[in-house]
Amino acid sequence: MVRQRHEAQHHRSGLPGLEAMSLASGRTFPRHGHDQLGIGVIVAGGHRSWSGRGLVEALAGDVITVNPGEIHDGAPVRAEPRTWRMLYVEPHLLDGLLCETVSGPVEITRPAVSDPILAAAVSRLLAVLTAPTPDPLAVEETMVRTLTHLVARHGSRPMPRPEPPPFVTRALRRIEEAPDQPMTLAELAGLSGVSRFQLLRGFSRAVGTTPHAYLVQHRVRLARRLLAAGRSPAEAAAESGFADQSHLTRAFVRQFGVTPARTRAALA
């Protein structure tokens, strides 16, 4: 059996709230979300992804984006490994910039764009971020230019979206408020007096993933925040609801492409 190529590096940025990753992989990433705004550049190959904004393909030179909390997946085009570099921006950094330039919330409208100016700006930001000793002022200046261009060219007011059925909303709230706690499909369905099958079908249609997959996503995101706060992988696993560190590691790598230990080294 041929081993699938997968290489990932999590870089220290020198600016809290801003992260960078370099990846070369033939893996398919399951549907998941991030707490941050993601923006990246395809360096080689092709990347196919689904989100609530539709199914798209991005090729070398294209920019890919994902809004905070947006469910999406990722796969190589034609099963060939692709190489890409990503920036992840904490919402408070983006909000701080937006309050200086626009009023009200903004979201990025397209998950893949052909914009050579933006691609060059993202690449410059990645270069200063991944320098041997990142200069905080250079990082901040380049970040402001890059995000200002991104929002000006590809941002808009959040579009109204249909609200999930009330029984799905109650299940979502239960998962999001306590992802570290055990729960069952029967419990989630019982919150609204619907059958387990009704909840499973309605949840998948409204959210794009199953209740269990959504719970695992939120546990992984909680673990990531705990790692950034200095918890060890074993502590993060216990506090986010995983049975043990190995269960966390498998879920973490599937979602983010790197291990909890490497993420902690880059963030803590």
C-alpha atoms as a PDB file:
ATOM      1  CA  MET A   1       0.000   0.000   0.000  1.00  0.00           C
ATOM      2  CA  VAL A   2       1.410   3.401  -1.000  1.00  0.00           C
ATOM      3  CA  ARG A   3       1.683   5.806   1.916  1.00  0.00           C
ATOM      4  CA  GLN A   4      -0.303   8.982   1.280  1.00  0.00           C
ATOM      5  CA  ARG A   5       1.792  12.137   1.272  1.00  0.00           C
ATOM      6  CA  HIS A   6       1.097  14.508   4.144  1.00  0.00           C
ATOM      7  CA  GLU A   7       3.409  17.247   5.395  1.00  0.00           C
ATOM      8  CA  ALA A   8       2.297  20.092   7.640  1.00  0.00           C
ATOM      9  CA  GLN A   9       4.156  22.787   9.538  1.00  0.00           C
ATOM     10  CA  HIS A  10       2.617  25.160  12.082  1.00  0.00           C
ATOM     11  CA  HIS A  11       4.598  28.419  12.266  1.00  0.00           C
ATOM     12  CA  ARG A  12       4.968  30.848  15.154  1.00  0.00           C
ATOM     13  CA  SER A  13       3.842  34.274  13.947  1.00  0.00           C
ATOM     14  CA  GLY A  14       5.219  36.750  16.461  1.00  0.00           C
ATOM     15  CA  LEU A  15       1.785  38.416  16.631  1.00  0.00           C
ATOM     16  CA  PRO A  16      -0.863  36.969  18.977  1.00  0.00           C
ATOM     17  CA  GLY A  17      -4.027  36.019  17.120  1.00  0.00           C
ATOM     18  CA  LEU A  18      -2.308  35.402  13.787  1.00  0.00           C
ATOM     19  CA  GLU A  19      -1.090  31.955  12.699  1.00  0.00           C
ATOM     20  CA  ALA A  20       0.467  30.438   9.617  1.00  0.00           C
ATOM     21  CA  MET A  21       0.610  26.887   8.276  1.00  0.00           C
ATOM     22  CA  SER A  22       2.366  25.270   5.333  1.00  0.00           C
ATOM     23  CA  LEU A  23       0.870  22.040   3.982  1.00  0.00           C
ATOM     24  CA  ALA A  24       1.536  19.529   1.216  1.00  0.00           C
ATOM     25  CA  SER A  25      -0.968  16.705   1.280  1.00  0.00           C
ATOM     26  CA  GLY A  26      -3.010  14.215  -0.641  1.00  0.00           C
ATOM     27  CA  ARG A  27      -5.432  13.801   2.258  1.00  0.00           C
ATOM     28  CA  THR A  28      -9.125  14.586   2.268  1.00  0.00           C
ATOM     29  CA  PHE A  29     -10.212  16.618   5.290  1.00  0.00           C
ATOM     30  CA  PRO A  30     -13.731  15.930   6.625  1.00  0.00           C
ATOM     31  CA  ARG A  31     -16.280  18.672   7.187  1.00  0.00           C
ATOM     32  CA  HIS A  32     -15.178  20.900  10.034  1.00  0.00           C
ATOM     33  CA  GLY A  33     -14.909  24.526  11.122  1.00  0.00           C
ATOM     34  CA  HIS A  34     -12.345  26.951  12.571  1.00  0.00           C
ATOM     35  CA  ASP A  35     -12.734  29.664  15.168  1.00  0.00           C
ATOM     36  CA  GLN A  36     -10.655  31.989  12.967  1.00  0.00           C
ATOM     37  CA  LEU A  37     -10.881  33.544   9.517  1.00  0.00           C
ATOM     38  CA  GLY A  38      -8.802  31.418   7.154  1.00  0.00           C
ATOM     39  CA  ILE A  39      -7.097  32.784   4.043  1.00  0.00           C
ATOM     40  CA  GLY A  40      -4.514  30.973   1.976  1.00  0.00           C
ATOM     41  CA  VAL A  41      -2.814  30.498  -1.387  1.00  0.00           C
ATOM     42  CA  ILE A  42      -2.632  27.327  -3.463  1.00  0.00           C
ATOM     43  CA  VAL A  43       1.043  26.871  -4.352  1.00  0.00           C
ATOM     44  CA  ALA A  44       0.777  23.723  -6.493  1.00  0.00           C
ATOM     45  CA  GLY A  45      -1.898  21.255  -7.556  1.00  0.00           C
ATOM     46  CA  GLY A  46      -5.609  21.753  -7.032  1.00  0.00           C
ATOM     47  CA  HIS A  47      -7.951  21.890  -4.046  1.00  0.00           C
ATOM     48  CA  ARG A  48     -11.678  21.103  -4.040  1.00  0.00           C
ATOM     49  CA  SER A  49     -13.905  22.142  -1.152  1.00  0.00           C
ATOM     50  CA  TRP A  50     -17.546  22.283  -0.117  1.00  0.00           C
ATOM     51  CA  SER A  51     -19.102  24.826   2.225  1.00  0.00           C
ATOM     52  CA  GLY A  52     -22.415  26.593   2.672  1.00  0.00           C
ATOM     53  CA  ARG A  53     -21.235  28.853  -0.146  1.00  0.00           C
ATOM     54  CA  GLY A  54     -21.121  25.953  -2.614  1.00  0.00           C
ATOM     55  CA  LEU A  55     -18.635  23.541  -4.176  1.00  0.00           C
ATOM     56  CA  VAL A  56     -15.502  25.118  -5.654  1.00  0.00           C
ATOM     57  CA  GLU A  57     -12.098  24.241  -7.031  1.00  0.00           C
ATOM     58  CA  ALA A  58      -8.953  26.303  -6.562  1.00  0.00           C
ATOM     59  CA  LEU A  59      -5.786  25.897  -8.613  1.00  0.00           C
ATOM     60  CA  ALA A  60      -2.212  27.144  -8.223  1.00  0.00           C
ATOM     61  CA  GLY A  61      -2.186  30.907  -7.651  1.00  0.00           C
ATOM     62  CA  ASP A  62      -5.780  31.069  -6.399  1.00  0.00           C
ATOM     63  CA  VAL A  63      -6.738  32.340  -2.948  1.00  0.00           C
ATOM     64  CA  ILE A  64      -8.960  30.246  -0.675  1.00  0.00           C
ATOM     65  CA  THR A  65     -10.971  31.603   2.268  1.00  0.00           C
ATOM     66  CA  VAL A  66     -13.183  30.340   5.072  1.00  0.00           C
ATOM     67  CA  ASN A  67     -15.204  32.486   7.470  1.00  0.00           C
ATOM     68  CA  PRO A  68     -15.033  31.822  11.238  1.00  0.00           C
ATOM     69  CA  GLY A  69     -17.261  28.891  12.191  1.00  0.00           C
ATOM     70  CA  GLU A  70     -18.056  28.011   8.564  1.00  0.00           C
ATOM     71  CA  ILE A  71     -18.415  24.273   7.969  1.00  0.00           C
ATOM     72  CA  HIS A  72     -16.272  23.139   5.039  1.00  0.00           C
ATOM     73  CA  ASP A  73     -14.168  20.235   3.824  1.00  0.00           C
ATOM     74  CA  GLY A  74     -11.155  19.836   1.544  1.00  0.00           C
ATOM     75  CA  ALA A  75      -9.868  17.332  -0.983  1.00  0.00           C
ATOM     76  CA  PRO A  76      -7.221  17.191  -3.694  1.00  0.00           C
ATOM     77  CA  VAL A  77      -8.316  17.574  -7.307  1.00  0.00           C
ATOM     78  CA  ARG A  78      -7.849  14.330  -9.276  1.00  0.00           C
ATOM     79  CA  ALA A  79      -6.425  12.646  -6.157  1.00  0.00           C
ATOM     80  CA  GLU A  80      -3.084  14.430  -6.689  1.00  0.00           C
ATOM     81  CA  PRO A  81      -1.364  15.992  -3.653  1.00  0.00           C
ATOM     82  CA  ARG A  82      -1.649  19.774  -3.449  1.00  0.00           C
ATOM     83  CA  THR A  83       0.528  22.333  -1.702  1.00  0.00           C
ATOM     84  CA  TRP A  84      -0.927  25.350   0.037  1.00  0.00           C
ATOM     85  CA  ARG A  85      -0.171  27.907   2.739  1.00  0.00           C
ATOM     86  CA  MET A  86      -2.740  29.259   5.181  1.00  0.00           C
ATOM     87  CA  LEU A  87      -3.177  32.214   7.500  1.00  0.00           C
ATOM     88  CA  TYR A  88      -5.615  32.047  10.405  1.00  0.00           C
ATOM     89  CA  VAL A  89      -6.781  35.351  11.882  1.00  0.00           C
ATOM     90  CA  GLU A  90      -8.566  35.551  15.222  1.00  0.00           C
ATOM     91  CA  PRO A  91     -11.870  37.450  14.879  1.00  0.00           C
ATOM     92  CA  HIS A  92     -10.798  40.135  17.369  1.00  0.00           C
ATOM     93  CA  LEU A  93      -7.886  41.123  15.099  1.00  0.00           C
ATOM     94  CA  LEU A  94     -10.172  41.438  12.092  1.00  0.00           C
ATOM     95  CA  ASP A  95     -12.836  43.264  14.106  1.00  0.00           C
ATOM     96  CA  GLY A  96     -10.235  45.729  15.357  1.00  0.00           C
ATOM     97  CA  LEU A  97      -9.180  46.473  11.801  1.00  0.00           C
ATOM     98  CA  LEU A  98     -12.731  46.709  10.478  1.00  0.00           C
ATOM     99  CA  CYS A  99     -13.820  49.191  13.121  1.00  0.00           C
ATOM    100  CA  GLU A 100     -11.175  51.541  11.699  1.00  0.00           C
ATOM    101  CA  THR A 101     -12.460  51.261   8.132  1.00  0.00           C
ATOM    102  CA  VAL A 102     -16.086  50.031   7.969  1.00  0.00           C
ATOM    103  CA  SER A 103     -19.073  49.793  10.272  1.00  0.00           C
ATOM    104  CA  GLY A 104     -20.828  46.532  11.084  1.00  0.00           C
ATOM    105  CA  PRO A 105     -19.938  42.874  10.525  1.00  0.00           C
ATOM    106  CA  VAL A 106     -18.361  41.644   7.282  1.00  0.00           C
ATOM    107  CA  GLU A 107     -17.947  38.181   5.789  1.00  0.00           C
ATOM    108  CA  ILE A 108     -15.906  36.978   2.838  1.00  0.00           C
ATOM    109  CA  THR A 109     -18.262  36.135   0.009  1.00  0.00           C
ATOM    110  CA  ARG A 110     -16.372  33.525  -2.013  1.00  0.00           C
ATOM    111  CA  PRO A 111     -14.403  30.480  -0.853  1.00  0.00           C
ATOM    112  CA  ALA A 112     -12.012  30.653  -3.838  1.00  0.00           C
ATOM    113  CA  VAL A 113     -10.946  33.691  -5.863  1.00  0.00           C
ATOM    114  CA  SER A 114      -8.512  34.465  -8.656  1.00  0.00           C
ATOM    115  CA  ASP A 115      -6.959  37.715  -7.448  1.00  0.00           C
ATOM    116  CA  PRO A 116      -3.211  38.034  -8.193  1.00  0.00           C
ATOM    117  CA  ILE A 117      -2.870  41.176  -6.060  1.00  0.00           C
ATOM    118  CA  LEU A 118      -4.425  39.477  -3.034  1.00  0.00           C
ATOM    119  CA  ALA A 119      -2.398  36.296  -3.629  1.00  0.00           C
ATOM    120  CA  ALA A 120       0.810  38.354  -3.681  1.00  0.00           C
ATOM    121  CA  ALA A 121      -0.227  40.175  -0.488  1.00  0.00           C
ATOM    122  CA  VAL A 122      -0.998  36.905   1.310  1.00  0.00           C
ATOM    123  CA  SER A 123       2.333  35.478   0.158  1.00  0.00           C
ATOM    124  CA  ARG A 124       4.186  38.542   1.470  1.00  0.00           C
ATOM    125  CA  LEU A 125       2.432  38.218   4.826  1.00  0.00           C
ATOM    126  CA  LEU A 126       3.315  34.543   4.999  1.00  0.00           C
ATOM    127  CA  ALA A 127       6.945  35.396   4.199  1.00  0.00           C
ATOM    128  CA  VAL A 128       7.288  37.917   7.039  1.00  0.00           C
ATOM    129  CA  LEU A 129       5.396  35.602   9.409  1.00  0.00           C
ATOM    130  CA  THR A 130       7.658  32.635   8.739  1.00  0.00           C
ATOM    131  CA  ALA A 131      10.950  34.546   8.817  1.00  0.00           C
ATOM    132  CA  PRO A 132      13.488  33.102  11.297  1.00  0.00           C
ATOM    133  CA  THR A 133      12.756  36.024  13.626  1.00  0.00           C
ATOM    134  CA  PRO A 134       9.431  37.655  12.659  1.00  0.00           C
ATOM    135  CA  ASP A 135       9.428  41.443  13.109  1.00  0.00           C
ATOM    136  CA  PRO A 136       6.138  42.340  14.883  1.00  0.00           C
ATOM    137  CA  LEU A 137       5.850  45.736  13.166  1.00  0.00           C
ATOM    138  CA  ALA A 138       6.458  44.264   9.703  1.00  0.00           C
ATOM    139  CA  VAL A 139       3.940  41.511  10.429  1.00  0.00           C
ATOM    140  CA  GLU A 140       1.291  43.983  11.606  1.00  0.00           C
ATOM    141  CA  GLU A 141       1.786  46.383   8.683  1.00  0.00           C
ATOM    142  CA  THR A 142       1.592  43.589   6.122  1.00  0.00           C
ATOM    143  CA  MET A 143      -1.431  42.077   7.857  1.00  0.00           C
ATOM    144  CA  VAL A 144      -3.312  45.405   7.762  1.00  0.00           C
ATOM    145  CA  ARG A 145      -2.625  45.855   4.036  1.00  0.00           C
ATOM    146  CA  THR A 146      -3.614  42.270   3.236  1.00  0.00           C
ATOM    147  CA  LEU A 147      -6.845  42.180   5.246  1.00  0.00           C
ATOM    148  CA  THR A 148      -7.886  45.639   4.055  1.00  0.00           C
ATOM    149  CA  HIS A 149      -7.559  44.482   0.443  1.00  0.00           C
ATOM    150  CA  LEU A 150      -9.378  41.229   1.218  1.00  0.00           C
ATOM    151  CA  VAL A 151     -12.361  42.988   2.788  1.00  0.00           C
ATOM    152  CA  ALA A 152     -12.490  45.784   0.189  1.00  0.00           C
ATOM    153  CA  ARG A 153     -12.491  43.382  -2.772  1.00  0.00           C
ATOM    154  CA  HIS A 154     -14.231  40.310  -1.403  1.00  0.00           C
ATOM    155  CA  GLY A 155     -16.148  41.293   1.725  1.00  0.00           C
ATOM    156  CA  SER A 156     -19.822  42.113   2.167  1.00  0.00           C
ATOM    157  CA  ARG A 157     -22.495  42.341   4.825  1.00  0.00           C
ATOM    158  CA  PRO A 158     -23.455  38.852   6.051  1.00  0.00           C
ATOM    159  CA  MET A 159     -26.225  37.494   3.876  1.00  0.00           C
ATOM    160  CA  PRO A 160     -29.454  36.443   5.641  1.00  0.00           C
ATOM    161  CA  ARG A 161     -29.595  32.672   5.897  1.00  0.00           C
ATOM    162  CA  PRO A 162     -32.539  30.425   6.718  1.00  0.00           C
ATOM    163  CA  GLU A 163     -32.738  29.592  10.397  1.00  0.00           C
ATOM    164  CA  PRO A 164     -32.501  25.872  11.226  1.00  0.00           C
ATOM    165  CA  PRO A 165     -35.698  24.230  12.505  1.00  0.00           C
ATOM    166  CA  PRO A 166     -36.188  24.841  16.242  1.00  0.00           C
ATOM    167  CA  PHE A 167     -35.377  21.234  17.131  1.00  0.00           C
ATOM    168  CA  VAL A 168     -32.021  21.561  15.311  1.00  0.00           C
ATOM    169  CA  THR A 169     -31.318  24.892  17.009  1.00  0.00           C
ATOM    170  CA  ARG A 170     -31.845  23.313  20.436  1.00  0.00           C
ATOM    171  CA  ALA A 171     -29.463  20.467  19.599  1.00  0.00           C
ATOM    172  CA  LEU A 172     -26.857  22.907  18.279  1.00  0.00           C
ATOM    173  CA  ARG A 173     -27.083  24.980  21.439  1.00  0.00           C
ATOM    174  CA  ARG A 174     -26.666  21.887  23.640  1.00  0.00           C
ATOM    175  CA  ILE A 175     -23.548  20.805  21.747  1.00  0.00           C
ATOM    176  CA  GLU A 176     -21.984  24.266  21.597  1.00  0.00           C
ATOM    177  CA  GLU A 177     -22.584  25.083  25.268  1.00  0.00           C
ATOM    178  CA  ALA A 178     -21.018  21.902  26.653  1.00  0.00           C
ATOM    179  CA  PRO A 179     -19.030  19.950  24.049  1.00  0.00           C
ATOM    180  CA  ASP A 180     -16.922  18.398  26.815  1.00  0.00           C
ATOM    181  CA  GLN A 181     -19.952  16.613  28.277  1.00  0.00           C
ATOM    182  CA  PRO A 182     -21.219  13.212  27.066  1.00  0.00           C
ATOM    183  CA  MET A 183     -24.516  13.213  25.201  1.00  0.00           C
ATOM    184  CA  THR A 184     -26.667  10.852  23.169  1.00  0.00           C
ATOM    185  CA  LEU A 185     -28.795  11.192  20.069  1.00  0.00           C
ATOM    186  CA  ALA A 186     -31.831  10.303  22.184  1.00  0.00           C
ATOM    187  CA  GLU A 187     -31.022  13.154  24.592  1.00  0.00           C
ATOM    188  CA  LEU A 188     -30.657  15.680  21.756  1.00  0.00           C
ATOM    189  CA  ALA A 189     -33.893  14.510  20.138  1.00  0.00           C
ATOM    190  CA  GLY A 190     -35.654  14.576  23.495  1.00  0.00           C
ATOM    191  CA  LEU A 191     -34.945  18.284  23.882  1.00  0.00           C
ATOM    192  CA  SER A 192     -37.699  18.869  21.310  1.00  0.00           C
ATOM    193  CA  GLY A 193     -39.726  15.682  21.488  1.00  0.00           C
ATOM    194  CA  VAL A 194     -38.735  14.456  18.010  1.00  0.00           C
ATOM    195  CA  SER A 195     -37.501  11.023  17.004  1.00  0.00           C
ATOM    196  CA  ARG A 196     -33.804  10.269  16.694  1.00  0.00           C
ATOM    197  CA  PHE A 197     -34.203   9.780  12.952  1.00  0.00           C
ATOM    198  CA  GLN A 198     -35.991  13.135  12.592  1.00  0.00           C
ATOM    199  CA  LEU A 199     -33.176  14.874  14.432  1.00  0.00           C
ATOM    200  CA  LEU A 200     -30.449  13.097  12.464  1.00  0.00           C
ATOM    201  CA  ARG A 201     -32.061  13.895   9.105  1.00  0.00           C
ATOM    202  CA  GLY A 202     -32.974  17.499   9.984  1.00  0.00           C
ATOM    203  CA  PHE A 203     -29.599  18.235  11.568  1.00  0.00           C
ATOM    204  CA  SER A 204     -27.645  16.899   8.588  1.00  0.00           C
ATOM    205  CA  ARG A 205     -29.755  18.904   6.137  1.00  0.00           C
ATOM    206  CA  ALA A 206     -29.486  22.160   8.099  1.00  0.00           C
ATOM    207  CA  VAL A 207     -25.861  21.970   9.256  1.00  0.00           C
ATOM    208  CA  GLY A 208     -24.179  19.843   6.603  1.00  0.00           C
ATOM    209  CA  THR A 209     -22.879  17.254   9.045  1.00  0.00           C
ATOM    210  CA  THR A 210     -24.179  14.850  11.688  1.00  0.00           C
ATOM    211  CA  PRO A 211     -24.624  15.679  15.391  1.00  0.00           C
ATOM    212  CA  HIS A 212     -21.711  13.414  16.332  1.00  0.00           C
ATOM    213  CA  ALA A 213     -19.376  14.947  13.745  1.00  0.00           C
ATOM    214  CA  TYR A 214     -20.415  18.430  14.889  1.00  0.00           C
ATOM    215  CA  LEU A 215     -19.723  17.465  18.517  1.00  0.00           C
ATOM    216  CA  VAL A 216     -16.250  16.151  17.638  1.00  0.00           C
ATOM    217  CA  GLN A 217     -15.503  19.376  15.734  1.00  0.00           C
ATOM    218  CA  HIS A 218     -16.376  21.457  18.778  1.00  0.00           C
ATOM    219  CA  ARG A 219     -14.352  19.223  21.082  1.00  0.00           C
ATOM    220  CA  VAL A 220     -11.336  19.613  18.822  1.00  0.00           C
ATOM    221  CA  ARG A 221     -11.779  23.391  18.678  1.00  0.00           C
ATOM    222  CA  LEU A 222     -12.093  23.508  22.470  1.00  0.00           C
ATOM    223  CA  ALA A 223      -8.947  21.411  22.808  1.00  0.00           C
ATOM    224  CA  ARG A 224      -7.127  23.786  20.485  1.00  0.00           C
ATOM    225  CA  ARG A 225      -8.052  26.768  22.665  1.00  0.00           C
ATOM    226  CA  LEU A 226      -6.861  24.866  25.743  1.00  0.00           C
ATOM    227  CA  LEU A 227      -3.545  24.050  24.046  1.00  0.00           C
ATOM    228  CA  ALA A 228      -3.090  27.710  23.158  1.00  0.00           C
ATOM    229  CA  ALA A 229      -3.675  28.550  26.822  1.00  0.00           C
ATOM    230  CA  GLY A 230      -0.803  26.241  27.811  1.00  0.00           C
ATOM    231  CA  ARG A 231      -2.538  22.939  28.647  1.00  0.00           C
ATOM    232  CA  SER A 232      -0.688  19.754  27.783  1.00  0.00           C
ATOM    233  CA  PRO A 233      -2.242  17.496  25.127  1.00  0.00           C
ATOM    234  CA  ALA A 234      -3.330  15.055  27.851  1.00  0.00           C
ATOM    235  CA  GLU A 235      -4.961  17.849  29.863  1.00  0.00           C
ATOM    236  CA  ALA A 236      -6.645  19.283  26.774  1.00  0.00           C
ATOM    237  CA  ALA A 237      -8.010  15.849  25.875  1.00  0.00           C
ATOM    238  CA  ALA A 238      -9.523  15.345  29.333  1.00  0.00           C
ATOM    239  CA  GLU A 239     -10.990  18.852  29.545  1.00  0.00           C
ATOM    240  CA  SER A 240     -12.535  18.780  26.063  1.00  0.00           C
ATOM    241  CA  GLY A 241     -14.365  15.477  26.426  1.00  0.00           C
ATOM    242  CA  PHE A 242     -12.067  12.984  24.690  1.00  0.00           C
ATOM    243  CA  ALA A 243     -11.522   9.564  26.222  1.00  0.00           C
ATOM    244  CA  ASP A 244      -7.747  10.021  26.153  1.00  0.00           C
ATOM    245  CA  GLN A 245      -4.915  11.801  24.374  1.00  0.00           C
ATOM    246  CA  SER A 246      -4.785   9.303  21.497  1.00  0.00           C
ATOM    247  CA  HIS A 247      -8.456   9.937  20.661  1.00  0.00           C
ATOM    248  CA  LEU A 248      -7.797  13.692  20.642  1.00  0.00           C
ATOM    249  CA  THR A 249      -4.715  13.286  18.455  1.00  0.00           C
ATOM    250  CA  ARG A 250      -6.560  11.279  15.806  1.00  0.00           C
ATOM    251  CA  ALA A 251      -9.454  13.754  15.638  1.00  0.00           C
ATOM    252  CA  PHE A 252      -7.109  16.758  15.751  1.00  0.00           C
ATOM    253  CA  VAL A 253      -4.925  15.540  12.888  1.00  0.00           C
ATOM    254  CA  ARG A 254      -7.974  14.696  10.766  1.00  0.00           C
ATOM    255  CA  GLN A 255      -9.333  18.224  11.218  1.00  0.00           C
ATOM    256  CA  PHE A 256      -6.211  20.416  11.287  1.00  0.00           C
ATOM    257  CA  GLY A 257      -3.506  18.271   9.718  1.00  0.00           C
ATOM    258  CA  VAL A 258      -1.060  18.628  12.644  1.00  0.00           C
ATOM    259  CA  THR A 259      -0.772  17.038  16.080  1.00  0.00           C
ATOM    260  CA  PRO A 260      -1.886  18.716  19.321  1.00  0.00           C
ATOM    261  CA  ALA A 261       1.732  18.759  20.528  1.00  0.00           C
ATOM    262  CA  ARG A 262       2.940  20.689  17.472  1.00  0.00           C
ATOM    263  CA  THR A 263       0.025  23.098  17.740  1.00  0.00           C
ATOM    264  CA  ARG A 264       0.809  23.751  21.402  1.00  0.00           C
ATOM    265  CA  ALA A 265       4.468  24.396  20.538  1.00  0.00           C
ATOM    266  CA  ALA A 266       3.408  27.005  17.954  1.00  0.00           C
ATOM    267  CA  LEU A 267       0.724  28.724  20.047  1.00  0.00           C
ATOM    268  CA  ALA A 268       1.455  28.413  23.758  1.00  0.00           C
END
